[in-house]
C-alpha atoms as a PDB file:
ATOM      1  CA  VAL A   1      27.339 -14.204  25.151  1.00  0.00           C
ATOM      2  CA  LEU A   2      30.403 -15.013  23.501  1.00  0.00           C
ATOM      3  CA  ASP A   3      31.793 -14.082  19.969  1.00  0.00           C
ATOM      4  CA  ASP A   4      34.360 -16.363  18.031  1.00  0.00           C
ATOM      5  CA  LYS A   5      36.760 -15.028  19.524  1.00  0.00           C
ATOM      6  CA  GLY A   6      35.488 -16.331  23.092  1.00  0.00           C
ATOM      7  CA  ARG A   7      35.041 -12.404  24.392  1.00  0.00           C
ATOM      8  CA  LEU A   8      31.795 -11.340  25.705  1.00  0.00           C
ATOM      9  CA  MET A   9      29.027  -9.409  24.274  1.00  0.00           C
ATOM     10  CA  ARG A  10      25.439  -8.483  24.956  1.00  0.00           C
ATOM     11  CA  THR A  11      22.509  -9.707  22.152  1.00  0.00           C
ATOM     12  CA  PHE A  12      18.996  -8.847  21.815  1.00  0.00           C
ATOM     13  CA  GLU A  13      16.834 -11.495  20.022  1.00  0.00           C
ATOM     14  CA  VAL A  14      13.670 -10.761  18.651  1.00  0.00           C
ATOM     15  CA  CYS A  15      11.912 -14.064  18.033  1.00  0.00           C
ATOM     16  CA  ASN A  16       8.203 -12.568  17.631  1.00  0.00           C
ATOM     17  CA  VAL A  17       8.258 -13.582  13.809  1.00  0.00           C
ATOM     18  CA  ASN A  18       4.424 -14.904  13.797  1.00  0.00           C
ATOM     19  CA  GLN A  19       2.926 -12.116  15.897  1.00  0.00           C
ATOM     20  CA  SER A  20       0.790  -9.822  13.744  1.00  0.00           C
ATOM     21  CA  PRO A  21       2.265  -6.790  12.355  1.00  0.00           C
ATOM     22  CA  ARG A  22       0.307  -4.971  13.845  1.00  0.00           C
ATOM     23  CA  LEU A  23       1.395  -5.629  17.350  1.00  0.00           C
ATOM     24  CA  GLN A  24       5.455  -6.082  15.939  1.00  0.00           C
ATOM     25  CA  ASP A  25       7.234  -3.705  18.588  1.00  0.00           C
ATOM     26  CA  ASN A  26      10.980  -4.680  17.555  1.00  0.00           C
ATOM     27  CA  TRP A  27      12.889  -0.986  18.935  1.00  0.00           C
ATOM     28  CA  LEU A  28      16.312  -1.592  20.632  1.00  0.00           C
ATOM     29  CA  ALA A  29      17.487   1.911  22.603  1.00  0.00           C
ATOM     30  CA  THR A  30      21.166   2.561  23.486  1.00  0.00           C
ATOM     31  CA  PRO A  31      21.770   3.928  26.767  1.00  0.00           C
ATOM     32  CA  PHE A  32      22.537   7.712  25.995  1.00  0.00           C
ATOM     33  CA  LEU A  33      26.204   7.728  24.997  1.00  0.00           C
ATOM     34  CA  TYR A  34      27.824  10.303  26.605  1.00  0.00           C
ATOM     35  CA  ARG A  35      30.935  12.398  24.105  1.00  0.00           C
ATOM     36  CA  GLN A  36      32.563  14.710  26.724  1.00  0.00           C
ATOM     37  CA  SER A  37      34.849  16.889  25.193  1.00  0.00           C
ATOM     38  CA  ALA A  38      35.375  14.395  21.838  1.00  0.00           C
ATOM     39  CA  PRO A  39      34.979  15.246  18.971  1.00  0.00           C
ATOM     40  CA  ARG A  40      32.873  12.579  17.628  1.00  0.00           C
ATOM     41  CA  ILE A  41      32.673   9.066  19.056  1.00  0.00           C
ATOM     42  CA  PHE A  42      32.098   5.930  17.045  1.00  0.00           C
ATOM     43  CA  VAL A  43      30.021   2.552  17.498  1.00  0.00           C
ATOM     44  CA  THR A  44      30.451  -0.874  16.308  1.00  0.00           C
ATOM     45  CA  LEU A  45      27.529  -2.231  15.369  1.00  0.00           C
ATOM     46  CA  ARG A  46      27.275  -6.150  14.956  1.00  0.00           C
ATOM     47  CA  PHE A  47      24.416  -8.345  14.076  1.00  0.00           C
ATOM     48  CA  SER A  48      23.132 -10.993  11.981  1.00  0.00           C
ATOM     49  CA  VAL A  49      19.906 -11.953  10.564  1.00  0.00           C
ATOM     50  CA  ARG A  50      18.348 -15.385   9.931  1.00  0.00           C
ATOM     51  CA  ASP A  51      17.024 -16.066   6.935  1.00  0.00           C
ATOM     52  CA  CYS A  52      13.111 -16.343   6.458  1.00  0.00           C
ATOM     53  CA  ALA A  53      13.249 -19.090   4.214  1.00  0.00           C
ATOM     54  CA  SER A  54      14.971 -21.280   7.251  1.00  0.00           C
ATOM     55  CA  LEU A  55      11.797 -21.282   9.440  1.00  0.00           C
ATOM     56  CA  ARG A  56       9.358 -23.640   9.180  1.00  0.00           C
ATOM     57  CA  SER A  57       6.447 -21.429   8.255  1.00  0.00           C
ATOM     58  CA  PRO A  58       7.600 -18.667   6.277  1.00  0.00           C
ATOM     59  CA  SER A  59       5.787 -15.644   7.872  1.00  0.00           C
ATOM     60  CA  PRO A  60       4.882 -12.767   6.430  1.00  0.00           C
ATOM     61  CA  THR A  61       6.245 -10.297   9.328  1.00  0.00           C
ATOM     62  CA  CYS A  62       9.267 -11.708   9.170  1.00  0.00           C
ATOM     63  CA  ARG A  63      12.530  -9.709   7.798  1.00  0.00           C
ATOM     64  CA  GLU A  64      15.980  -9.812   6.494  1.00  0.00           C
ATOM     65  CA  THR A  65      16.585  -6.225   7.278  1.00  0.00           C
ATOM     66  CA  LEU A  66      17.837  -3.952   9.870  1.00  0.00           C
ATOM     67  CA  THR A  67      16.864   0.015   9.661  1.00  0.00           C
ATOM     68  CA  LEU A  68      19.764   2.267  11.744  1.00  0.00           C
ATOM     69  CA  TYR A  69      18.045   5.724  13.383  1.00  0.00           C
ATOM     70  CA  TYR A  70      19.682   8.015  15.182  1.00  0.00           C
ATOM     71  CA  LYS A  71      19.718  11.694  17.113  1.00  0.00           C
ATOM     72  CA  GLN A  72      22.555  13.609  17.768  1.00  0.00           C
ATOM     73  CA  ALA A  73      21.603  15.011  21.501  1.00  0.00           C
ATOM     74  CA  ASP A  74      23.586  16.943  23.761  1.00  0.00           C
ATOM     75  CA  SER A  75      21.676  15.203  27.379  1.00  0.00           C
ATOM     76  CA  GLN A  76      19.621  12.386  27.636  1.00  0.00           C
ATOM     77  CA  ARG A  77      16.796  14.360  28.797  1.00  0.00           C
ATOM     78  CA  GLU A  78      16.825  16.538  25.316  1.00  0.00           C
ATOM     79  CA  LEU A  79      16.629  12.764  23.725  1.00  0.00           C
ATOM     80  CA  GLU A  80      13.960  11.454  25.609  1.00  0.00           C
ATOM     81  CA  ARG A  81      11.980  15.150  24.994  1.00  0.00           C
ATOM     82  CA  THR A  82      12.651  14.462  20.898  1.00  0.00           C
ATOM     83  CA  TRP A  83      12.397  11.072  20.209  1.00  0.00           C
ATOM     84  CA  VAL A  84       9.987   9.465  21.513  1.00  0.00           C
ATOM     85  CA  ALA A  85       8.445   5.912  19.939  1.00  0.00           C
ATOM     86  CA  GLU A  86       4.364   6.114  19.197  1.00  0.00           C
END
């Protein structure tokens, strides 16, 4: 989609708010970010959250929060060995 300045941006959308909490699986992972010789990298995350009260029938699975997890690793392989969603 295009942002408010007409720039192309990638989006991820989760719309299964009426699904059972046990079936929720809303993980989103980026590809491995290679930093090469840089001492650090900066990542900008822009997100919006829909107001649960705006739903026709509010759902107990609706959340208005975002939790961000990150893992520092030296390679994609190391990341895959140590970061497994259960």
